[in-house]
Amino acid sequence: MRQHNRWVPFCALLLLLASRVSAREVSITILHTCDLHGNVLPTESYEGKTNVGGIARCATMIRQIRGQEKNVLLVDAGDTMQGTPVSFLSDGQVMVKCLNQLHYDSWTWGNHEFDWGLTKLAGCAERAEVPIVVANIQEASRGGNPTSQRITSRLKPYLVREIDGVKVGIIGLDTPDIPSWSRPRLTAGLEFTDSVETLRRIVPEARAAGAQILVLVCHQGYREAGDDHANQINAIARNFPELDVIIGAHTHRNFPEFKVSNVLYTQADYYGIYLGRVDLVFDTEKGRLTKRQSNTLLMDEHIPLDGEILKLTSAEIDRAEKMSSTRLGEATDDLWIRALPHKETPIHNLIFEAIADALGERGTKVDAIVHGINERRNGLKKGAITVGDVWKVVPYENTVGVVQLTPAELREVLDEDAETYNNPAFRGIWGLKWTFDTDARPGQRTTSLVHADGSSLDETQRLAVAFNSYDLAGGGQRWKRLRELVDRPEAKLVEYDFQTREAVINYIRKRGTITPTLRDWWTAKRGSQSEHAPKTE
């Protein structure tokens, strides 16, 4: 018996040595893209830097890093398809082909995935060989429909990938406030749930499935001013400190490396201008990460385009280039945007007149149109105008709706608009003359609203007013009163299928020549001072 006991310490020593031999540090690299917005080829940044980004350029770096590192995961954080002619003409399929070809490990959707409706999105989902990981989109509690069911059947709340013996859990979240950007007909049959409530259910499930590392890929962005309806990063990090990494998106910002409540946060800007990289080291003996760091890599002219992606997408690119180069007409002078973004510009009036014309062709006459412009874009230059030029001015596929509002109700809506005069959310008006005081108290900002000829409105008569679909959905909760009004039966909302961009293209083609015009549709007052748009010469 004593002789047998002599072996116990020796066996224990052997077990200890064996465990130390098997204990390892496993390095894992996670590459990530976000907000590609249909950019296969290099594009231009908001600051005017050209020949940057595009998934064809990111692909080169992805392949290079995969050749250098043993354990590499690749994820996308959404807004992948909408934004370019090449993706629009293929109903998003060209971007799905790129994700498939590069063997992404997960694809988390963004809000713009829903811009073209569920039928086209379902087609992309069914052709995706990439797992679609979104935990906070589910079938509506009142019951879905065949198209929404096609979509939800493809969604996974999380997945677990075993990498060199270590299990990595990837959880996906979309931004929860899609119903305030997309009209119900675009998302019928789906529900979008709160981020924190969703994670309270999903994080334990991912742990139970064996995840040793937790990575959240979400179409939401960090905001220094705090969370809002669409971006809940602070609350997520605060409530779930067990998350090792949050990969963000949506806000089109570059966060190479940042900590939110001690959770590593990173975000790779937009359009593929940066490729995100996260490097982790997991100690199998300690059962935890010993290293977390991240960076974003600039995808500029020093990175060549990937030949396989170019070959894969050549037919779609040729088709889009042919369409984009189609000449529509010409401008007698520059139509600017950026010089005076909150005052009336010729681009405002071009869009207004195009919408009015498109509605007129459909037998609808409106008293007013409320619409804004994209300040991040340039206007139209003097000379020839192509389809591609209009795409740069009107990048989104918003449709148009007409509602019946009393003058008092329209003033309520315009009061909300006046509150945003100093930020990009501001909308202009056409058809009626509007004067407002930006320093006035809420509910008292509109000082005058009259017909174009200066005559008073009949307070007993409803006005036919056109808005785009984004604003009719609430404009990201900026237009709460408008959303309340348009959902009432007396508003008699009529939604049209034509897009704003389509209206502008047809308008220019029909006229052949356009001239920049200003009409002084609105006047902003600050106390006793007024701000007018300058007259065109």
Protein backbone atom coordinates (compact mmCIF):
# COMPACT_ATOMS: atom_id res chain seq x y z
CA MET A 1 0.00 0.00 0.00
CA ARG A 2 2.85 2.35 0.86
CA GLN A 3 4.55 1.49 -2.44
CA HIS A 4 1.38 2.36 -4.34
CA ASN A 5 1.13 5.74 -2.59
CA ARG A 6 4.64 6.66 -3.79
CA TRP A 7 3.20 6.94 -7.28
CA VAL A 8 0.55 9.50 -6.33
CA PRO A 9 2.87 12.56 -6.20
CA PHE A 10 4.60 11.38 -9.35
CA CYS A 11 1.30 11.02 -11.23
CA ALA A 12 0.18 14.42 -10.00
CA LEU A 13 3.43 15.91 -11.29
CA LEU A 14 2.91 14.26 -14.68
CA LEU A 15 -0.64 15.65 -14.86
CA LEU A 16 0.59 19.12 -13.96
CA LEU A 17 3.31 18.99 -16.60
CA ALA A 18 0.85 17.69 -19.18
CA SER A 19 -1.61 20.49 -18.43
CA ARG A 20 1.16 23.06 -18.78
CA VAL A 21 2.21 21.57 -22.09
CA SER A 22 -1.38 21.67 -23.37
CA ALA A 23 -1.96 25.20 -22.05
CA ARG A 24 -1.49 27.63 -24.93
CA GLU A 25 -1.91 31.21 -25.97
CA VAL A 26 -4.15 31.31 -29.04
CA SER A 27 -4.01 34.38 -31.25
CA ILE A 28 -7.20 35.33 -33.10
CA THR A 29 -7.65 38.17 -35.60
CA ILE A 30 -11.08 39.58 -36.45
CA LEU A 31 -11.35 41.70 -39.59
CA HIS A 32 -14.44 43.84 -40.04
CA THR A 33 -16.17 46.11 -42.55
CA CYS A 34 -19.23 48.29 -42.12
CA ASP A 35 -21.37 50.77 -44.04
CA LEU A 36 -19.98 49.67 -47.39
CA HIS A 37 -23.13 51.09 -49.01
CA GLY A 38 -22.69 49.18 -52.25
CA ASN A 39 -19.17 50.42 -52.95
CA VAL A 40 -17.35 47.73 -54.87
CA LEU A 41 -14.86 50.20 -56.37
CA PRO A 42 -12.96 53.03 -54.67
CA THR A 43 -14.98 56.16 -53.98
CA GLU A 44 -14.68 59.58 -52.36
CA SER A 45 -14.73 60.47 -48.66
CA TYR A 46 -16.92 63.17 -47.17
CA GLU A 47 -13.84 65.36 -46.95
CA GLY A 48 -13.23 65.05 -50.69
CA LYS A 49 -10.38 62.50 -50.63
CA THR A 50 -10.66 60.41 -53.79
CA ASN A 51 -9.68 56.85 -54.73
CA VAL A 52 -10.34 55.40 -51.28
CA GLY A 53 -12.30 52.43 -49.99
CA GLY A 54 -14.45 49.90 -51.77
CA ILE A 55 -14.71 46.19 -51.04
CA ALA A 56 -12.40 45.37 -53.97
CA ARG A 57 -9.62 47.20 -52.15
CA CYS A 58 -10.51 45.76 -48.74
CA ALA A 59 -10.39 42.28 -50.30
CA THR A 60 -6.70 42.69 -51.11
CA MET A 61 -5.85 43.46 -47.49
CA ILE A 62 -8.15 40.70 -46.22
CA ARG A 63 -6.32 38.12 -48.32
CA GLN A 64 -2.95 39.51 -47.25
CA ILE A 65 -3.78 39.28 -43.54
CA ARG A 66 -5.23 35.80 -43.98
CA GLY A 67 -1.89 34.80 -45.49
CA GLN A 68 -0.01 36.22 -42.51
CA GLU A 69 -2.19 35.09 -39.60
CA LYS A 70 -3.31 31.59 -38.69
CA ASN A 71 -6.70 32.33 -37.14
CA VAL A 72 -8.77 34.98 -38.92
CA LEU A 73 -12.47 35.78 -38.72
CA LEU A 74 -14.21 38.24 -41.10
CA VAL A 75 -17.46 40.03 -40.25
CA ASP A 76 -19.59 42.83 -41.68
CA ALA A 77 -21.69 45.20 -39.56
CA GLY A 78 -24.35 46.26 -42.05
CA ASP A 79 -25.58 48.91 -44.48
CA THR A 80 -23.81 46.74 -47.00
CA MET A 81 -25.91 47.09 -50.15
CA GLN A 82 -27.67 50.45 -50.58
CA GLY A 83 -25.88 53.46 -52.01
CA THR A 84 -24.45 52.90 -55.52
CA PRO A 85 -25.82 52.21 -59.00
CA VAL A 86 -23.88 48.95 -59.24
CA SER A 87 -25.65 47.53 -56.20
CA PHE A 88 -29.02 49.14 -56.92
CA LEU A 89 -29.23 47.68 -60.43
CA SER A 90 -28.46 44.19 -59.11
CA ASP A 91 -30.94 44.47 -56.19
CA GLY A 92 -27.98 44.15 -53.83
CA GLN A 93 -26.86 40.83 -55.28
CA VAL A 94 -23.44 42.14 -56.32
CA MET A 95 -22.54 42.80 -52.69
CA VAL A 96 -23.84 39.40 -51.64
CA LYS A 97 -21.57 37.86 -54.28
CA CYS A 98 -18.61 39.71 -52.77
CA LEU A 99 -19.45 38.55 -49.23
CA ASN A 100 -19.74 34.98 -50.48
CA GLN A 101 -16.52 35.13 -52.47
CA LEU A 102 -14.56 36.45 -49.50
CA HIS A 103 -16.12 33.84 -47.18
CA TYR A 104 -17.32 36.23 -44.50
CA ASP A 105 -18.01 34.48 -41.22
CA SER A 106 -21.02 36.65 -40.38
CA TRP A 107 -23.16 39.42 -41.83
CA THR A 108 -25.13 41.69 -39.50
CA TRP A 109 -27.74 43.86 -41.21
CA GLY A 110 -28.16 47.63 -40.98
CA ASN A 111 -31.16 49.90 -41.42
CA HIS A 112 -30.53 50.52 -45.12
CA GLU A 113 -30.87 46.81 -45.86
CA PHE A 114 -34.64 47.46 -45.69
CA ASP A 115 -34.77 50.41 -48.10
CA TRP A 116 -35.84 48.31 -51.09
CA GLY A 117 -38.49 46.31 -49.26
CA LEU A 118 -38.58 42.74 -48.01
CA THR A 119 -38.89 40.97 -51.35
CA LYS A 120 -35.49 42.14 -52.58
CA LEU A 121 -33.96 41.65 -49.14
CA ALA A 122 -35.30 38.10 -48.98
CA GLY A 123 -33.66 37.41 -52.34
CA CYS A 124 -30.31 38.58 -50.97
CA ALA A 125 -30.75 36.57 -47.78
CA GLU A 126 -31.47 33.39 -49.69
CA ARG A 127 -28.45 33.80 -51.95
CA ALA A 128 -26.10 34.60 -49.09
CA GLU A 129 -23.76 31.77 -48.20
CA VAL A 130 -22.74 33.88 -45.21
CA PRO A 131 -24.52 33.38 -41.87
CA ILE A 132 -26.80 36.39 -41.26
CA VAL A 133 -26.45 37.16 -37.56
CA VAL A 134 -29.09 39.53 -36.15
CA ALA A 135 -30.62 38.88 -32.74
CA ASN A 136 -33.12 41.75 -32.49
CA ILE A 137 -35.20 41.13 -35.62
CA GLN A 138 -38.01 38.62 -35.29
CA GLU A 139 -41.39 37.63 -36.64
CA ALA A 140 -44.12 40.06 -35.61
CA SER A 141 -46.12 38.89 -32.61
CA ARG A 142 -49.37 39.37 -34.54
CA GLY A 143 -48.07 37.07 -37.26
CA GLY A 144 -45.86 37.65 -40.23
CA ASN A 145 -46.25 36.96 -43.92
CA PRO A 146 -44.53 34.63 -46.38
CA THR A 147 -41.87 37.22 -47.28
CA SER A 148 -40.99 38.15 -43.70
CA GLN A 149 -40.87 34.44 -42.87
CA ARG A 150 -38.38 33.90 -45.71
CA ILE A 151 -36.20 36.49 -44.00
CA THR A 152 -36.49 35.39 -40.37
CA SER A 153 -35.81 31.78 -41.37
CA ARG A 154 -32.33 32.93 -42.47
CA LEU A 155 -31.47 34.90 -39.32
CA LYS A 156 -29.35 33.61 -36.46
CA PRO A 157 -29.13 35.51 -33.15
CA TYR A 158 -25.55 34.37 -32.64
CA LEU A 159 -23.06 31.78 -33.79
CA VAL A 160 -20.08 30.08 -32.18
CA ARG A 161 -16.92 29.49 -34.19
CA GLU A 162 -14.21 27.18 -32.85
CA ILE A 163 -10.84 28.68 -33.75
CA ASP A 164 -7.76 26.63 -32.88
CA GLY A 165 -9.61 25.04 -29.97
CA VAL A 166 -11.09 28.31 -28.67
CA LYS A 167 -14.78 29.05 -29.10
CA VAL A 168 -15.64 32.55 -30.27
CA GLY A 169 -19.24 33.70 -29.93
CA ILE A 170 -20.46 36.30 -32.43
CA ILE A 171 -23.71 38.07 -31.54
CA GLY A 172 -25.38 40.41 -34.04
CA LEU A 173 -27.62 43.42 -33.45
CA ASP A 174 -29.22 45.79 -35.90
CA THR A 175 -30.16 49.31 -34.85
CA PRO A 176 -33.53 48.98 -33.08
CA ASP A 177 -35.23 52.05 -34.50
CA ILE A 178 -35.76 50.98 -38.11
CA PRO A 179 -39.54 51.63 -37.86
CA SER A 180 -38.80 55.35 -37.47
CA TRP A 181 -36.88 55.37 -40.79
CA SER A 182 -38.84 52.90 -42.93
CA ARG A 183 -42.56 53.02 -43.60
CA PRO A 184 -44.48 49.91 -42.43
CA ARG A 185 -44.87 48.57 -45.97
CA LEU A 186 -41.08 48.11 -46.13
CA THR A 187 -40.86 46.00 -42.97
CA ALA A 188 -44.28 44.33 -42.77
CA GLY A 189 -44.26 41.23 -40.58
CA LEU A 190 -41.08 42.07 -38.67
CA GLU A 191 -40.42 43.41 -35.18
CA PHE A 192 -37.26 45.15 -33.99
CA THR A 193 -36.46 44.73 -30.32
CA ASP A 194 -34.46 46.73 -27.80
CA SER A 195 -30.74 46.01 -27.67
CA VAL A 196 -30.35 45.52 -23.93
CA GLU A 197 -33.48 43.38 -23.57
CA THR A 198 -32.37 41.22 -26.48
CA LEU A 199 -28.88 40.71 -25.09
CA ARG A 200 -30.25 39.70 -21.68
CA ARG A 201 -31.66 36.68 -23.44
CA ILE A 202 -28.93 36.01 -26.02
CA VAL A 203 -25.69 36.46 -24.04
CA PRO A 204 -26.48 33.56 -21.64
CA GLU A 205 -27.46 31.41 -24.62
CA ALA A 206 -24.14 32.09 -26.33
CA ARG A 207 -22.26 31.27 -23.13
CA ALA A 208 -24.26 28.06 -22.73
CA ALA A 209 -23.31 27.15 -26.29
CA GLY A 210 -19.67 27.22 -25.20
CA ALA A 211 -18.52 30.70 -26.23
CA GLN A 212 -15.29 31.57 -24.40
CA ILE A 213 -14.90 34.90 -26.19
CA LEU A 214 -17.90 37.18 -26.79
CA VAL A 215 -17.90 39.56 -29.75
CA LEU A 216 -20.86 41.81 -30.46
CA VAL A 217 -21.19 42.98 -34.06
CA CYS A 218 -23.81 45.70 -34.19
CA HIS A 219 -25.13 48.29 -36.59
CA GLN A 220 -24.95 50.97 -33.92
CA GLY A 221 -22.30 53.55 -33.11
CA TYR A 222 -20.79 55.11 -30.03
CA ARG A 223 -21.90 58.70 -29.31
CA GLU A 224 -20.03 60.99 -26.95
CA ALA A 225 -23.27 62.80 -26.14
CA GLY A 226 -24.81 59.54 -24.96
CA ASP A 227 -27.10 56.92 -26.42
CA ASP A 228 -30.08 57.75 -28.58
CA HIS A 229 -32.96 55.82 -30.10
CA ALA A 230 -30.70 54.22 -32.70
CA ASN A 231 -27.35 53.80 -30.92
CA GLN A 232 -27.23 52.07 -27.54
CA ILE A 233 -23.53 51.32 -27.19
CA ASN A 234 -23.13 52.90 -23.74
CA ALA A 235 -26.03 50.93 -22.28
CA ILE A 236 -24.82 47.71 -23.89
CA ALA A 237 -21.29 48.03 -22.54
CA ARG A 238 -22.53 49.05 -19.09
CA ASN A 239 -24.99 46.17 -18.79
CA PHE A 240 -22.80 43.48 -20.36
CA PRO A 241 -19.20 43.84 -19.13
CA GLU A 242 -18.67 40.20 -20.12
CA LEU A 243 -18.53 41.31 -23.75
CA ASP A 244 -14.92 41.27 -24.90
CA VAL A 245 -15.33 43.33 -28.09
CA ILE A 246 -18.01 45.51 -29.63
CA ILE A 247 -17.66 46.13 -33.37
CA GLY A 248 -19.80 49.14 -34.25
CA ALA A 249 -21.21 50.80 -37.36
CA HIS A 250 -24.03 53.12 -38.54
CA THR A 251 -22.60 56.52 -37.57
CA HIS A 252 -19.91 56.53 -40.29
CA ARG A 253 -17.07 57.22 -37.86
CA ASN A 254 -13.58 55.85 -37.43
CA PHE A 255 -12.72 54.40 -34.01
CA PRO A 256 -9.41 52.51 -34.28
CA GLU A 257 -9.41 51.59 -30.59
CA PHE A 258 -11.64 52.84 -27.80
CA LYS A 259 -12.95 51.61 -24.46
CA VAL A 260 -16.59 51.89 -23.41
CA SER A 261 -17.04 50.79 -19.79
CA ASN A 262 -13.86 48.71 -20.24
CA VAL A 263 -15.28 46.90 -23.28
CA LEU A 264 -13.07 47.23 -26.35
CA TYR A 265 -14.94 49.22 -29.00
CA THR A 266 -13.91 49.71 -32.61
CA GLN A 267 -15.59 50.96 -35.79
CA ALA A 268 -14.28 51.06 -39.36
CA ASP A 269 -15.73 54.30 -40.73
CA TYR A 270 -17.73 53.89 -43.98
CA TYR A 271 -17.53 52.86 -47.68
CA GLY A 272 -14.60 50.52 -46.92
CA ILE A 273 -12.30 53.54 -46.52
CA TYR A 274 -10.95 51.67 -43.50
CA LEU A 275 -10.72 47.96 -42.82
CA GLY A 276 -11.07 47.15 -39.15
CA ARG A 277 -8.74 44.74 -37.35
CA VAL A 278 -9.06 43.27 -33.85
CA ASP A 279 -6.24 41.16 -32.37
CA LEU A 280 -6.96 38.88 -29.42
CA VAL A 281 -4.85 36.44 -27.43
CA PHE A 282 -6.66 33.79 -25.38
CA ASP A 283 -4.82 31.90 -22.63
CA THR A 284 -6.27 28.41 -22.49
CA GLU A 285 -4.88 27.73 -18.99
CA LYS A 286 -6.30 30.91 -17.48
CA GLY A 287 -9.42 30.60 -19.58
CA ARG A 288 -9.47 34.28 -20.51
CA LEU A 289 -8.14 36.87 -22.90
CA THR A 290 -4.72 38.25 -22.12
CA LYS A 291 -4.63 40.70 -25.00
CA ARG A 292 -7.24 42.89 -26.70
CA GLN A 293 -6.26 45.51 -29.21
CA SER A 294 -7.71 46.96 -32.37
CA ASN A 295 -6.88 49.24 -35.26
CA THR A 296 -8.35 50.46 -38.54
CA LEU A 297 -6.33 50.30 -41.75
CA LEU A 298 -6.65 53.00 -44.39
CA MET A 299 -7.66 51.60 -47.78
CA ASP A 300 -6.12 54.21 -50.10
CA GLU A 301 -4.28 54.13 -53.42
CA HIS A 302 -1.40 52.16 -51.88
CA ILE A 303 -3.66 49.08 -51.70
CA PRO A 304 -4.33 47.52 -55.13
CA LEU A 305 -7.76 46.30 -56.14
CA ASP A 306 -8.44 42.59 -55.82
CA GLY A 307 -8.54 40.93 -59.24
CA GLU A 308 -10.99 38.21 -58.23
CA ILE A 309 -13.55 40.70 -56.96
CA LEU A 310 -13.17 42.80 -60.12
CA LYS A 311 -13.70 39.73 -62.29
CA LEU A 312 -16.66 38.61 -60.22
CA THR A 313 -18.42 41.99 -60.48
CA SER A 314 -17.34 43.11 -63.96
CA ALA A 315 -20.74 42.64 -65.61
CA GLU A 316 -22.53 44.63 -62.89
CA ILE A 317 -19.88 47.36 -62.97
CA ASP A 318 -20.12 47.71 -66.76
CA ARG A 319 -23.90 47.95 -66.58
CA ALA A 320 -23.78 50.58 -63.85
CA GLU A 321 -21.14 52.65 -65.64
CA LYS A 322 -23.21 52.65 -68.80
CA MET A 323 -26.26 53.85 -66.90
CA SER A 324 -24.34 56.44 -64.87
CA SER A 325 -22.75 57.99 -67.95
CA THR A 326 -26.11 58.50 -69.68
CA ARG A 327 -26.53 62.20 -70.46
CA LEU A 328 -29.78 63.76 -69.23
CA GLY A 329 -29.38 67.43 -70.11
CA GLU A 330 -27.32 70.40 -69.04
CA ALA A 331 -27.22 73.13 -66.41
CA THR A 332 -26.80 76.77 -67.41
CA ASP A 333 -24.85 77.39 -64.18
CA ASP A 334 -23.72 75.62 -61.00
CA LEU A 335 -26.42 74.32 -58.66
CA TRP A 336 -24.78 74.31 -55.25
CA ILE A 337 -25.50 72.56 -51.96
CA ARG A 338 -22.72 73.06 -49.47
CA ALA A 339 -22.33 76.86 -49.55
CA LEU A 340 -25.52 77.56 -47.62
CA PRO A 341 -26.96 74.26 -46.41
CA HIS A 342 -29.75 75.72 -44.23
CA LYS A 343 -30.88 78.37 -46.64
CA GLU A 344 -32.67 77.74 -49.86
CA THR A 345 -30.42 76.44 -52.65
CA PRO A 346 -30.96 75.65 -56.33
CA ILE A 347 -30.76 71.94 -55.48
CA HIS A 348 -33.71 72.34 -53.11
CA ASN A 349 -35.76 73.84 -55.91
CA LEU A 350 -34.66 71.23 -58.44
CA ILE A 351 -35.89 68.47 -56.11
CA PHE A 352 -39.09 70.35 -55.27
CA GLU A 353 -39.97 70.97 -58.92
CA ALA A 354 -39.15 67.38 -59.85
CA ILE A 355 -41.45 65.98 -57.16
CA ALA A 356 -44.25 68.37 -58.12
CA ASP A 357 -43.86 67.37 -61.75
CA ALA A 358 -43.88 63.63 -60.97
CA LEU A 359 -47.00 63.99 -58.85
CA GLY A 360 -48.65 66.07 -61.57
CA GLU A 361 -48.01 63.29 -64.07
CA ARG A 362 -49.93 61.01 -61.71
CA GLY A 363 -52.86 63.39 -61.45
CA THR A 364 -51.95 64.84 -58.05
CA LYS A 365 -51.53 68.54 -57.35
CA VAL A 366 -49.98 69.58 -54.05
CA ASP A 367 -50.06 72.83 -52.12
CA ALA A 368 -46.66 72.30 -50.55
CA ILE A 369 -43.62 70.03 -50.52
CA VAL A 370 -41.32 69.60 -47.52
CA HIS A 371 -37.94 68.09 -48.36
CA GLY A 372 -34.27 68.43 -47.49
CA ILE A 373 -30.93 67.87 -49.18
CA ASN A 374 -27.87 65.78 -48.40
CA GLU A 375 -25.29 68.26 -47.18
CA ARG A 376 -22.44 65.80 -47.55
CA ARG A 377 -22.77 65.93 -51.33
CA ASN A 378 -21.72 68.49 -53.89
CA GLY A 379 -24.26 70.02 -56.20
CA LEU A 380 -24.42 69.91 -59.99
CA LYS A 381 -21.80 71.67 -62.11
CA LYS A 382 -22.51 73.90 -65.07
CA GLY A 383 -22.67 71.89 -68.28
CA ALA A 384 -23.70 68.33 -69.05
CA ILE A 385 -25.63 66.40 -66.39
CA THR A 386 -25.54 62.60 -66.27
CA VAL A 387 -27.50 60.01 -64.32
CA GLY A 388 -24.40 59.53 -62.15
CA ASP A 389 -24.42 63.23 -61.26
CA VAL A 390 -27.97 62.93 -59.95
CA TRP A 391 -27.00 59.87 -57.90
CA LYS A 392 -24.42 62.01 -56.10
CA VAL A 393 -27.06 64.60 -55.24
CA VAL A 394 -29.84 62.15 -54.31
CA PRO A 395 -28.13 59.04 -52.85
CA TYR A 396 -31.14 57.45 -51.12
CA GLU A 397 -34.11 55.52 -52.49
CA ASN A 398 -36.84 57.48 -50.70
CA THR A 399 -40.31 57.44 -52.19
CA VAL A 400 -42.95 60.17 -51.87
CA GLY A 401 -46.24 60.39 -49.99
CA VAL A 402 -48.96 63.04 -49.91
CA VAL A 403 -50.99 63.84 -46.80
CA GLN A 404 -53.89 66.17 -46.08
CA LEU A 405 -53.05 68.58 -43.24
CA THR A 406 -54.81 71.60 -41.82
CA PRO A 407 -52.73 74.80 -41.75
CA ALA A 408 -52.51 74.44 -37.96
CA GLU A 409 -51.18 70.88 -38.27
CA LEU A 410 -48.64 71.92 -40.88
CA ARG A 411 -47.42 74.66 -38.53
CA GLU A 412 -46.88 72.00 -35.86
CA VAL A 413 -44.77 69.97 -38.29
CA LEU A 414 -42.83 73.03 -39.40
CA ASP A 415 -42.20 73.95 -35.78
CA GLU A 416 -40.35 70.65 -35.43
CA ASP A 417 -38.45 71.50 -38.59
CA ALA A 418 -37.44 74.97 -37.37
CA GLU A 419 -35.94 73.39 -34.27
CA THR A 420 -33.38 71.61 -36.50
CA TYR A 421 -32.34 74.72 -38.43
CA ASN A 422 -28.74 74.48 -37.22
CA ASN A 423 -28.19 70.82 -38.07
CA PRO A 424 -28.42 68.64 -41.20
CA ALA A 425 -31.94 67.43 -40.35
CA PHE A 426 -33.49 70.72 -41.49
CA ARG A 427 -35.99 70.53 -44.36
CA GLY A 428 -37.06 73.28 -46.70
CA ILE A 429 -40.52 74.03 -48.03
CA TRP A 430 -41.96 74.72 -51.52
CA GLY A 431 -45.34 76.13 -52.52
CA LEU A 432 -45.93 78.20 -49.40
CA LYS A 433 -43.95 81.10 -47.93
CA TRP A 434 -42.74 80.30 -44.43
CA THR A 435 -41.12 82.62 -41.89
CA PHE A 436 -39.90 81.32 -38.56
CA ASP A 437 -37.94 82.46 -35.51
CA THR A 438 -35.26 79.97 -34.44
CA ASP A 439 -35.01 81.63 -31.00
CA ALA A 440 -38.71 81.34 -30.24
CA ARG A 441 -40.18 78.83 -27.82
CA PRO A 442 -41.45 75.46 -29.09
CA GLY A 443 -44.85 75.80 -30.67
CA GLN A 444 -44.28 79.47 -31.46
CA ARG A 445 -41.48 79.32 -34.01
CA THR A 446 -43.59 79.85 -37.13
CA THR A 447 -44.39 83.57 -37.44
CA SER A 448 -45.94 83.45 -40.91
CA LEU A 449 -47.21 80.79 -43.32
CA VAL A 450 -48.95 82.09 -46.45
CA HIS A 451 -49.56 81.25 -50.10
CA ALA A 452 -46.80 82.01 -52.62
CA ASP A 453 -48.59 85.24 -53.59
CA GLY A 454 -48.74 86.35 -49.95
CA SER A 455 -52.43 85.64 -49.43
CA SER A 456 -53.60 84.06 -46.19
CA LEU A 457 -54.39 80.39 -45.81
CA ASP A 458 -57.95 79.23 -45.27
CA GLU A 459 -57.79 77.66 -41.82
CA THR A 460 -60.84 75.50 -42.57
CA GLN A 461 -59.33 73.83 -45.64
CA ARG A 462 -56.82 71.00 -45.66
CA LEU A 463 -53.58 71.33 -47.63
CA ALA A 464 -52.09 68.56 -49.78
CA VAL A 465 -48.46 68.30 -48.63
CA ALA A 466 -45.79 65.96 -50.00
CA PHE A 467 -43.01 64.44 -47.88
CA ASN A 468 -40.49 61.71 -48.57
CA SER A 469 -40.96 58.25 -47.08
CA TYR A 470 -38.12 58.66 -44.58
CA ASP A 471 -39.74 61.72 -43.01
CA LEU A 472 -43.20 60.13 -43.13
CA ALA A 473 -41.75 57.30 -41.02
CA GLY A 474 -40.56 59.83 -38.45
CA GLY A 475 -37.13 60.68 -39.83
CA GLY A 476 -35.34 58.85 -37.04
CA GLN A 477 -37.77 60.29 -34.46
CA ARG A 478 -37.04 63.85 -35.57
CA TRP A 479 -40.57 64.21 -36.96
CA LYS A 480 -42.66 62.74 -34.16
CA ARG A 481 -45.64 65.01 -34.75
CA LEU A 482 -45.61 64.30 -38.49
CA ARG A 483 -45.60 60.55 -37.83
CA GLU A 484 -48.58 60.95 -35.49
CA LEU A 485 -50.52 63.00 -38.02
CA VAL A 486 -49.93 60.86 -41.11
CA ASP A 487 -51.08 57.70 -39.37
CA ARG A 488 -54.51 59.25 -38.70
CA PRO A 489 -57.33 58.36 -41.14
CA GLU A 490 -58.14 62.01 -41.81
CA ALA A 491 -54.63 62.59 -43.20
CA LYS A 492 -55.55 60.30 -46.13
CA LEU A 493 -51.94 59.35 -46.78
CA VAL A 494 -51.23 58.22 -50.33
CA GLU A 495 -47.82 56.62 -50.87
CA TYR A 496 -46.37 56.58 -54.36
CA ASP A 497 -43.83 54.11 -55.71
CA PHE A 498 -41.57 56.54 -57.56
CA GLN A 499 -38.33 57.57 -55.89
CA THR A 500 -37.07 61.11 -55.45
CA ARG A 501 -34.01 60.35 -57.56
CA GLU A 502 -36.18 58.91 -60.30
CA ALA A 503 -38.27 62.10 -60.27
CA VAL A 504 -35.17 64.31 -60.60
CA ILE A 505 -33.74 62.20 -63.45
CA ASN A 506 -37.01 62.32 -65.39
CA TYR A 507 -37.43 66.05 -64.75
CA ILE A 508 -34.00 66.93 -66.15
CA ARG A 509 -34.42 64.58 -69.12
CA LYS A 510 -37.81 66.08 -69.94
CA ARG A 511 -36.58 69.68 -69.85
CA GLY A 512 -33.14 69.20 -71.32
CA THR A 513 -31.82 72.43 -69.83
CA ILE A 514 -32.15 73.53 -66.20
CA THR A 515 -31.30 76.89 -64.65
CA PRO A 516 -30.52 77.40 -60.94
CA THR A 517 -33.35 79.27 -59.24
CA LEU A 518 -34.13 80.69 -55.80
CA ARG A 519 -37.66 81.61 -54.71
CA ASP A 520 -37.27 82.75 -51.09
CA TRP A 521 -39.62 80.03 -49.90
CA TRP A 522 -38.48 80.37 -46.31
CA THR A 523 -36.95 83.03 -44.09
CA ALA A 524 -35.24 82.30 -40.79
CA LYS A 525 -35.27 85.02 -38.15
CA ARG A 526 -33.07 85.33 -35.12
CA GLY A 527 -34.63 88.00 -33.00
CA SER A 528 -34.99 91.02 -35.29
CA GLN A 529 -32.60 89.75 -37.95
CA SER A 530 -33.60 87.71 -41.00
CA GLU A 531 -31.54 85.26 -43.02
CA HIS A 532 -32.39 85.10 -46.72
CA ALA A 533 -30.86 83.01 -49.43
CA PRO A 534 -28.81 85.16 -51.82
CA LYS A 535 -30.31 85.98 -55.18
CA THR A 536 -28.95 84.21 -58.21
CA GLU A 537 -27.38 86.51 -60.72
